[in-house]
Amino acid sequence: MDFPSKLIESAVEEVAKLPGIGKKTALRLVLHLLKRDEEQTQRLAETLQAMRTNVTYCRKCHNLSDEELCSICANRKRDASLICVVEDIRDVLAIENTAQFKGLYHVLGGIISPVEGIGPSDLHIDSLVERLRSDESEQVREVILALSPTMEGDTTAFYLQKKLRPFKVKISTIARGVPIGGDLEYADEVTLGRSILSRIAYE
């Protein structure tokens, strides 16, 4: 594809690196930005820069946050006796959209996958254990393993169950209303909400 401008070509190359966006879509987006007011395009650029520079991870649960603690961990109205363990931040958003869960979260940052070279040490498992071990976590009654029902998800859940067994907490997993082989982020809100409410003890 020949471009009339090297600047446009560079912009298309960068936008096309985003997931699900090809060169043609990237070109449409770049041309759209050129048609907008310069102030609007500038605000977009500044917003993206601020996001990349200032968004951090919650020191407690590893969710995305603007502060040291995310808005969920900092909310005293949340039920601190429940910790829902998820694979990544998209799962937190999916569960929050159901409005069925009022506890706290712990984001692993992935799941155990030997094929991809991801082991337990690559995930936020030690910090989860530390949350249960610390004095302030004596109130935790239940840990919900809300992981995608795939082979890797089940492997991770089994590993976590063994790691958490020494603690006096109930370990449960979400009910299998979520289809086997599916990802939580693609489950509809009703099914995901019922899965959370109908969780079962992990065995």
C-alpha atoms as a PDB file:
ATOM      1  CA  MET A   1       0.000   0.000   0.000  1.00  0.00           C
ATOM      2  CA  ASP A   2       1.481   3.320  -1.114  1.00  0.00           C
ATOM      3  CA  PHE A   3       0.957   6.274   1.232  1.00  0.00           C
ATOM      4  CA  PRO A   4       1.041   9.934   0.212  1.00  0.00           C
ATOM      5  CA  SER A   5       2.696  10.797   3.519  1.00  0.00           C
ATOM      6  CA  LYS A   6       5.376   9.097   5.613  1.00  0.00           C
ATOM      7  CA  LEU A   7       3.648  10.433   8.723  1.00  0.00           C
ATOM      8  CA  ILE A   8       0.375   8.744   7.756  1.00  0.00           C
ATOM      9  CA  GLU A   9       2.253   5.551   6.949  1.00  0.00           C
ATOM     10  CA  SER A  10       3.908   5.567  10.386  1.00  0.00           C
ATOM     11  CA  ALA A  11       0.570   6.207  12.104  1.00  0.00           C
ATOM     12  CA  VAL A  12      -1.095   3.348  10.182  1.00  0.00           C
ATOM     13  CA  GLU A  13       1.785   1.011  11.082  1.00  0.00           C
ATOM     14  CA  GLU A  14       1.365   1.783  14.792  1.00  0.00           C
ATOM     15  CA  VAL A  15      -2.448   1.541  14.836  1.00  0.00           C
ATOM     16  CA  ALA A  16      -2.294  -1.758  12.915  1.00  0.00           C
ATOM     17  CA  LYS A  17      -0.284  -3.245  15.812  1.00  0.00           C
ATOM     18  CA  LEU A  18      -3.414  -3.142  17.976  1.00  0.00           C
ATOM     19  CA  PRO A  19      -5.215  -6.507  18.294  1.00  0.00           C
ATOM     20  CA  GLY A  20      -7.943  -7.145  15.726  1.00  0.00           C
ATOM     21  CA  ILE A  21      -6.997  -4.197  13.536  1.00  0.00           C
ATOM     22  CA  GLY A  22      -5.600  -4.718  10.045  1.00  0.00           C
ATOM     23  CA  LYS A  23      -3.938  -2.230   7.733  1.00  0.00           C
ATOM     24  CA  LYS A  24      -7.199  -1.156   6.045  1.00  0.00           C
ATOM     25  CA  THR A  25      -8.980  -0.540   9.344  1.00  0.00           C
ATOM     26  CA  ALA A  26      -5.922   1.280  10.660  1.00  0.00           C
ATOM     27  CA  LEU A  27      -5.936   3.532   7.603  1.00  0.00           C
ATOM     28  CA  ARG A  28      -9.650   4.348   8.117  1.00  0.00           C
ATOM     29  CA  LEU A  29      -8.987   5.265  11.750  1.00  0.00           C
ATOM     30  CA  VAL A  30      -5.995   7.438  10.895  1.00  0.00           C
ATOM     31  CA  LEU A  31      -7.924   9.277   8.163  1.00  0.00           C
ATOM     32  CA  HIS A  32     -10.816   9.760  10.583  1.00  0.00           C
ATOM     33  CA  LEU A  33      -8.442  11.331  13.112  1.00  0.00           C
ATOM     34  CA  LEU A  34      -7.172  13.704  10.424  1.00  0.00           C
ATOM     35  CA  LYS A  35     -10.736  14.891   9.780  1.00  0.00           C
ATOM     36  CA  ARG A  36     -11.398  15.643  13.432  1.00  0.00           C
ATOM     37  CA  ASP A  37     -10.562  18.961  15.059  1.00  0.00           C
ATOM     38  CA  GLU A  38      -6.914  19.147  16.019  1.00  0.00           C
ATOM     39  CA  GLU A  39      -7.947  19.743  19.652  1.00  0.00           C
ATOM     40  CA  GLN A  40      -9.911  16.477  19.741  1.00  0.00           C
ATOM     41  CA  THR A  41      -6.997  14.522  18.317  1.00  0.00           C
ATOM     42  CA  GLN A  42      -4.669  16.214  20.786  1.00  0.00           C
ATOM     43  CA  ARG A  43      -6.950  15.254  23.702  1.00  0.00           C
ATOM     44  CA  LEU A  44      -6.945  11.648  22.516  1.00  0.00           C
ATOM     45  CA  ALA A  45      -3.148  11.633  22.350  1.00  0.00           C
ATOM     46  CA  GLU A  46      -2.852  13.226  25.794  1.00  0.00           C
ATOM     47  CA  THR A  47      -5.381  10.801  27.297  1.00  0.00           C
ATOM     48  CA  LEU A  48      -3.511   7.787  25.924  1.00  0.00           C
ATOM     49  CA  GLN A  49      -0.204   9.185  27.164  1.00  0.00           C
ATOM     50  CA  ALA A  50      -1.628   9.865  30.636  1.00  0.00           C
ATOM     51  CA  MET A  51      -3.111   6.378  30.775  1.00  0.00           C
ATOM     52  CA  ARG A  52       0.189   4.757  29.808  1.00  0.00           C
ATOM     53  CA  THR A  53       2.176   6.880  32.240  1.00  0.00           C
ATOM     54  CA  ASN A  54      -0.102   6.953  35.291  1.00  0.00           C
ATOM     55  CA  VAL A  55      -2.177   3.764  35.359  1.00  0.00           C
ATOM     56  CA  THR A  56      -0.597   1.281  37.728  1.00  0.00           C
ATOM     57  CA  TYR A  57      -1.474  -1.976  39.471  1.00  0.00           C
ATOM     58  CA  CYS A  58      -3.145  -2.291  42.855  1.00  0.00           C
ATOM     59  CA  ARG A  59      -0.560  -3.387  45.417  1.00  0.00           C
ATOM     60  CA  LYS A  60      -3.120  -5.683  47.022  1.00  0.00           C
ATOM     61  CA  CYS A  61      -5.027  -7.431  44.229  1.00  0.00           C
ATOM     62  CA  HIS A  62      -3.047  -6.477  41.060  1.00  0.00           C
ATOM     63  CA  ASN A  63      -6.088  -4.919  39.391  1.00  0.00           C
ATOM     64  CA  LEU A  64      -5.573  -1.786  37.295  1.00  0.00           C
ATOM     65  CA  SER A  65      -5.643   1.350  39.393  1.00  0.00           C
ATOM     66  CA  ASP A  66      -4.958   5.080  39.445  1.00  0.00           C
ATOM     67  CA  GLU A  67      -3.841   4.858  43.073  1.00  0.00           C
ATOM     68  CA  GLU A  68      -1.860   2.494  45.305  1.00  0.00           C
ATOM     69  CA  LEU A  69      -5.108   0.670  46.069  1.00  0.00           C
ATOM     70  CA  CYS A  70      -7.751   0.119  43.397  1.00  0.00           C
ATOM     71  CA  SER A  71     -11.271   1.440  43.901  1.00  0.00           C
ATOM     72  CA  ILE A  72     -12.548  -2.053  44.780  1.00  0.00           C
ATOM     73  CA  CYS A  73      -9.949  -2.782  47.480  1.00  0.00           C
ATOM     74  CA  ALA A  74     -10.377   0.725  48.892  1.00  0.00           C
ATOM     75  CA  ASN A  75     -14.169   0.388  49.087  1.00  0.00           C
ATOM     76  CA  ARG A  76     -15.063  -0.488  52.682  1.00  0.00           C
ATOM     77  CA  LYS A  77     -18.536  -1.528  51.599  1.00  0.00           C
ATOM     78  CA  ARG A  78     -17.105  -4.555  49.783  1.00  0.00           C
ATOM     79  CA  ASP A  79     -17.194  -7.906  51.588  1.00  0.00           C
ATOM     80  CA  ALA A  80     -13.568  -8.484  52.622  1.00  0.00           C
ATOM     81  CA  SER A  81     -14.375 -12.056  53.697  1.00  0.00           C
ATOM     82  CA  LEU A  82     -14.618 -13.106  50.020  1.00  0.00           C
ATOM     83  CA  ILE A  83     -11.718 -13.126  47.575  1.00  0.00           C
ATOM     84  CA  CYS A  84     -12.442 -13.998  43.955  1.00  0.00           C
ATOM     85  CA  VAL A  85      -9.332 -15.229  42.108  1.00  0.00           C
ATOM     86  CA  VAL A  86      -9.324 -14.473  38.377  1.00  0.00           C
ATOM     87  CA  GLU A  87      -6.909 -14.832  35.495  1.00  0.00           C
ATOM     88  CA  ASP A  88      -6.725 -11.224  34.349  1.00  0.00           C
ATOM     89  CA  ILE A  89      -8.287  -7.783  34.568  1.00  0.00           C
ATOM     90  CA  ARG A  90     -10.845  -8.498  31.829  1.00  0.00           C
ATOM     91  CA  ASP A  91     -12.375 -11.129  34.119  1.00  0.00           C
ATOM     92  CA  VAL A  92     -12.748  -8.565  36.912  1.00  0.00           C
ATOM     93  CA  LEU A  93     -14.650  -6.310  34.505  1.00  0.00           C
ATOM     94  CA  ALA A  94     -16.826  -9.205  33.330  1.00  0.00           C
ATOM     95  CA  ILE A  95     -17.780 -10.227  36.880  1.00  0.00           C
ATOM     96  CA  GLU A  96     -18.331  -6.622  37.996  1.00  0.00           C
ATOM     97  CA  ASN A  97     -20.754  -6.157  35.093  1.00  0.00           C
ATOM     98  CA  THR A  98     -22.974  -8.887  36.574  1.00  0.00           C
ATOM     99  CA  ALA A  99     -23.454  -6.806  39.771  1.00  0.00           C
ATOM    100  CA  GLN A 100     -23.692 -10.130  41.645  1.00  0.00           C
ATOM    101  CA  PHE A 101     -20.354 -10.183  43.468  1.00  0.00           C
ATOM    102  CA  LYS A 102     -19.612  -7.797  46.342  1.00  0.00           C
ATOM    103  CA  GLY A 103     -16.308  -9.200  47.591  1.00  0.00           C
ATOM    104  CA  LEU A 104     -12.690  -8.480  46.664  1.00  0.00           C
ATOM    105  CA  TYR A 105     -10.508  -9.835  43.864  1.00  0.00           C
ATOM    106  CA  HIS A 106      -7.064 -11.234  43.249  1.00  0.00           C
ATOM    107  CA  VAL A 107      -5.717 -11.046  39.697  1.00  0.00           C
ATOM    108  CA  LEU A 108      -3.218 -13.805  38.899  1.00  0.00           C
ATOM    109  CA  GLY A 109      -1.973 -12.207  35.694  1.00  0.00           C
ATOM    110  CA  GLY A 110      -2.389 -15.432  33.733  1.00  0.00           C
ATOM    111  CA  ILE A 111      -2.797 -19.168  34.235  1.00  0.00           C
ATOM    112  CA  ILE A 112      -0.350 -22.051  34.421  1.00  0.00           C
ATOM    113  CA  SER A 113       0.494 -23.171  30.894  1.00  0.00           C
ATOM    114  CA  PRO A 114       3.586 -25.360  30.397  1.00  0.00           C
ATOM    115  CA  VAL A 115       3.128 -25.129  26.616  1.00  0.00           C
ATOM    116  CA  GLU A 116       3.569 -21.352  26.783  1.00  0.00           C
ATOM    117  CA  GLY A 117       6.263 -21.587  29.432  1.00  0.00           C
ATOM    118  CA  ILE A 118       4.099 -20.047  32.168  1.00  0.00           C
ATOM    119  CA  GLY A 119       4.659 -21.567  35.599  1.00  0.00           C
ATOM    120  CA  PRO A 120       3.384 -20.747  39.099  1.00  0.00           C
ATOM    121  CA  SER A 121       6.317 -18.384  39.719  1.00  0.00           C
ATOM    122  CA  ASP A 122       5.175 -16.235  36.779  1.00  0.00           C
ATOM    123  CA  LEU A 123       1.803 -15.551  38.423  1.00  0.00           C
ATOM    124  CA  HIS A 124       0.685 -13.524  41.462  1.00  0.00           C
ATOM    125  CA  ILE A 125       0.234 -16.623  43.599  1.00  0.00           C
ATOM    126  CA  ASP A 126       2.687 -15.799  46.385  1.00  0.00           C
ATOM    127  CA  SER A 127       0.946 -12.484  47.041  1.00  0.00           C
ATOM    128  CA  LEU A 128      -2.382 -14.330  47.342  1.00  0.00           C
ATOM    129  CA  VAL A 129      -0.869 -16.668  49.926  1.00  0.00           C
ATOM    130  CA  GLU A 130       0.540 -13.647  51.737  1.00  0.00           C
ATOM    131  CA  ARG A 131      -2.899 -12.002  51.800  1.00  0.00           C
ATOM    132  CA  LEU A 132      -4.268 -15.028  53.619  1.00  0.00           C
ATOM    133  CA  ARG A 133      -1.271 -15.257  55.927  1.00  0.00           C
ATOM    134  CA  SER A 134      -1.265 -11.626  57.029  1.00  0.00           C
ATOM    135  CA  ASP A 135      -3.002 -10.545  60.216  1.00  0.00           C
ATOM    136  CA  GLU A 136      -5.433  -8.286  58.389  1.00  0.00           C
ATOM    137  CA  SER A 137      -6.684 -11.263  56.375  1.00  0.00           C
ATOM    138  CA  GLU A 138      -8.028 -13.224  59.345  1.00  0.00           C
ATOM    139  CA  GLN A 139     -11.495 -12.170  58.215  1.00  0.00           C
ATOM    140  CA  VAL A 140     -11.249 -14.023  54.864  1.00  0.00           C
ATOM    141  CA  ARG A 141     -13.720 -16.914  54.942  1.00  0.00           C
ATOM    142  CA  GLU A 142     -13.812 -18.006  51.312  1.00  0.00           C
ATOM    143  CA  VAL A 143     -11.643 -17.962  48.212  1.00  0.00           C
ATOM    144  CA  ILE A 144     -13.523 -18.361  44.925  1.00  0.00           C
ATOM    145  CA  LEU A 145     -11.491 -19.756  42.033  1.00  0.00           C
ATOM    146  CA  ALA A 146     -13.173 -18.047  39.071  1.00  0.00           C
ATOM    147  CA  LEU A 147     -10.925 -19.376  36.332  1.00  0.00           C
ATOM    148  CA  SER A 148     -11.889 -20.258  32.782  1.00  0.00           C
ATOM    149  CA  PRO A 149     -12.983 -23.929  32.525  1.00  0.00           C
ATOM    150  CA  THR A 150     -10.114 -25.014  30.309  1.00  0.00           C
ATOM    151  CA  MET A 151      -7.359 -27.541  30.943  1.00  0.00           C
ATOM    152  CA  GLU A 152      -4.985 -24.724  31.920  1.00  0.00           C
ATOM    153  CA  GLY A 153      -7.628 -23.140  34.145  1.00  0.00           C
ATOM    154  CA  ASP A 154      -8.289 -26.432  35.917  1.00  0.00           C
ATOM    155  CA  THR A 155      -4.544 -27.031  36.344  1.00  0.00           C
ATOM    156  CA  THR A 156      -4.175 -23.600  37.929  1.00  0.00           C
ATOM    157  CA  ALA A 157      -7.194 -24.172  40.190  1.00  0.00           C
ATOM    158  CA  PHE A 158      -5.770 -27.518  41.340  1.00  0.00           C
ATOM    159  CA  TYR A 159      -2.416 -25.918  42.124  1.00  0.00           C
ATOM    160  CA  LEU A 160      -4.068 -23.071  44.039  1.00  0.00           C
ATOM    161  CA  GLN A 161      -6.222 -25.495  45.992  1.00  0.00           C
ATOM    162  CA  LYS A 162      -3.090 -27.263  47.230  1.00  0.00           C
ATOM    163  CA  LYS A 163      -1.359 -23.985  48.094  1.00  0.00           C
ATOM    164  CA  LEU A 164      -4.356 -22.641  50.015  1.00  0.00           C
ATOM    165  CA  ARG A 165      -5.264 -25.869  51.804  1.00  0.00           C
ATOM    166  CA  PRO A 166      -3.248 -25.017  54.982  1.00  0.00           C
ATOM    167  CA  PHE A 167      -5.406 -21.935  55.577  1.00  0.00           C
ATOM    168  CA  LYS A 168      -8.745 -22.179  57.320  1.00  0.00           C
ATOM    169  CA  VAL A 169     -10.766 -20.867  54.407  1.00  0.00           C
ATOM    170  CA  LYS A 170     -13.439 -22.361  52.210  1.00  0.00           C
ATOM    171  CA  ILE A 171     -12.236 -22.888  48.652  1.00  0.00           C
ATOM    172  CA  SER A 172     -14.924 -22.853  45.979  1.00  0.00           C
ATOM    173  CA  THR A 173     -15.117 -22.645  42.226  1.00  0.00           C
ATOM    174  CA  ILE A 174     -17.765 -21.013  40.075  1.00  0.00           C
ATOM    175  CA  ALA A 175     -20.596 -23.290  38.962  1.00  0.00           C
ATOM    176  CA  ARG A 176     -20.163 -24.660  35.470  1.00  0.00           C
ATOM    177  CA  GLY A 177     -22.801 -22.490  33.934  1.00  0.00           C
ATOM    178  CA  VAL A 178     -19.856 -21.175  31.959  1.00  0.00           C
ATOM    179  CA  PRO A 179     -19.303 -23.571  29.022  1.00  0.00           C
ATOM    180  CA  ILE A 180     -16.305 -25.890  29.083  1.00  0.00           C
ATOM    181  CA  GLY A 181     -13.528 -24.506  26.911  1.00  0.00           C
ATOM    182  CA  GLY A 182     -14.931 -20.969  27.076  1.00  0.00           C
ATOM    183  CA  ASP A 183     -13.393 -17.756  28.398  1.00  0.00           C
ATOM    184  CA  LEU A 184     -15.053 -15.722  31.125  1.00  0.00           C
ATOM    185  CA  GLU A 185     -14.828 -12.478  29.164  1.00  0.00           C
ATOM    186  CA  TYR A 186     -17.112 -13.939  26.461  1.00  0.00           C
ATOM    187  CA  ALA A 187     -19.754 -15.349  28.828  1.00  0.00           C
ATOM    188  CA  ASP A 188     -23.032 -13.456  28.998  1.00  0.00           C
ATOM    189  CA  GLU A 189     -23.691 -11.525  32.200  1.00  0.00           C
ATOM    190  CA  VAL A 190     -26.669 -13.611  33.344  1.00  0.00           C
ATOM    191  CA  THR A 191     -24.777 -16.915  33.021  1.00  0.00           C
ATOM    192  CA  LEU A 192     -21.678 -15.497  34.680  1.00  0.00           C
ATOM    193  CA  GLY A 193     -23.708 -13.949  37.490  1.00  0.00           C
ATOM    194  CA  ARG A 194     -25.513 -17.220  38.203  1.00  0.00           C
ATOM    195  CA  SER A 195     -22.187 -19.065  38.146  1.00  0.00           C
ATOM    196  CA  ILE A 196     -20.867 -16.774  40.858  1.00  0.00           C
ATOM    197  CA  LEU A 197     -23.988 -17.111  43.004  1.00  0.00           C
ATOM    198  CA  SER A 198     -24.154 -20.912  42.510  1.00  0.00           C
ATOM    199  CA  ARG A 199     -20.489 -21.578  43.225  1.00  0.00           C
ATOM    200  CA  ILE A 200     -19.565 -24.962  44.634  1.00  0.00           C
ATOM    201  CA  ALA A 201     -16.877 -26.198  47.009  1.00  0.00           C
ATOM    202  CA  TYR A 202     -13.627 -27.038  45.231  1.00  0.00           C
ATOM    203  CA  GLU A 203     -12.723 -30.722  45.554  1.00  0.00           C
END
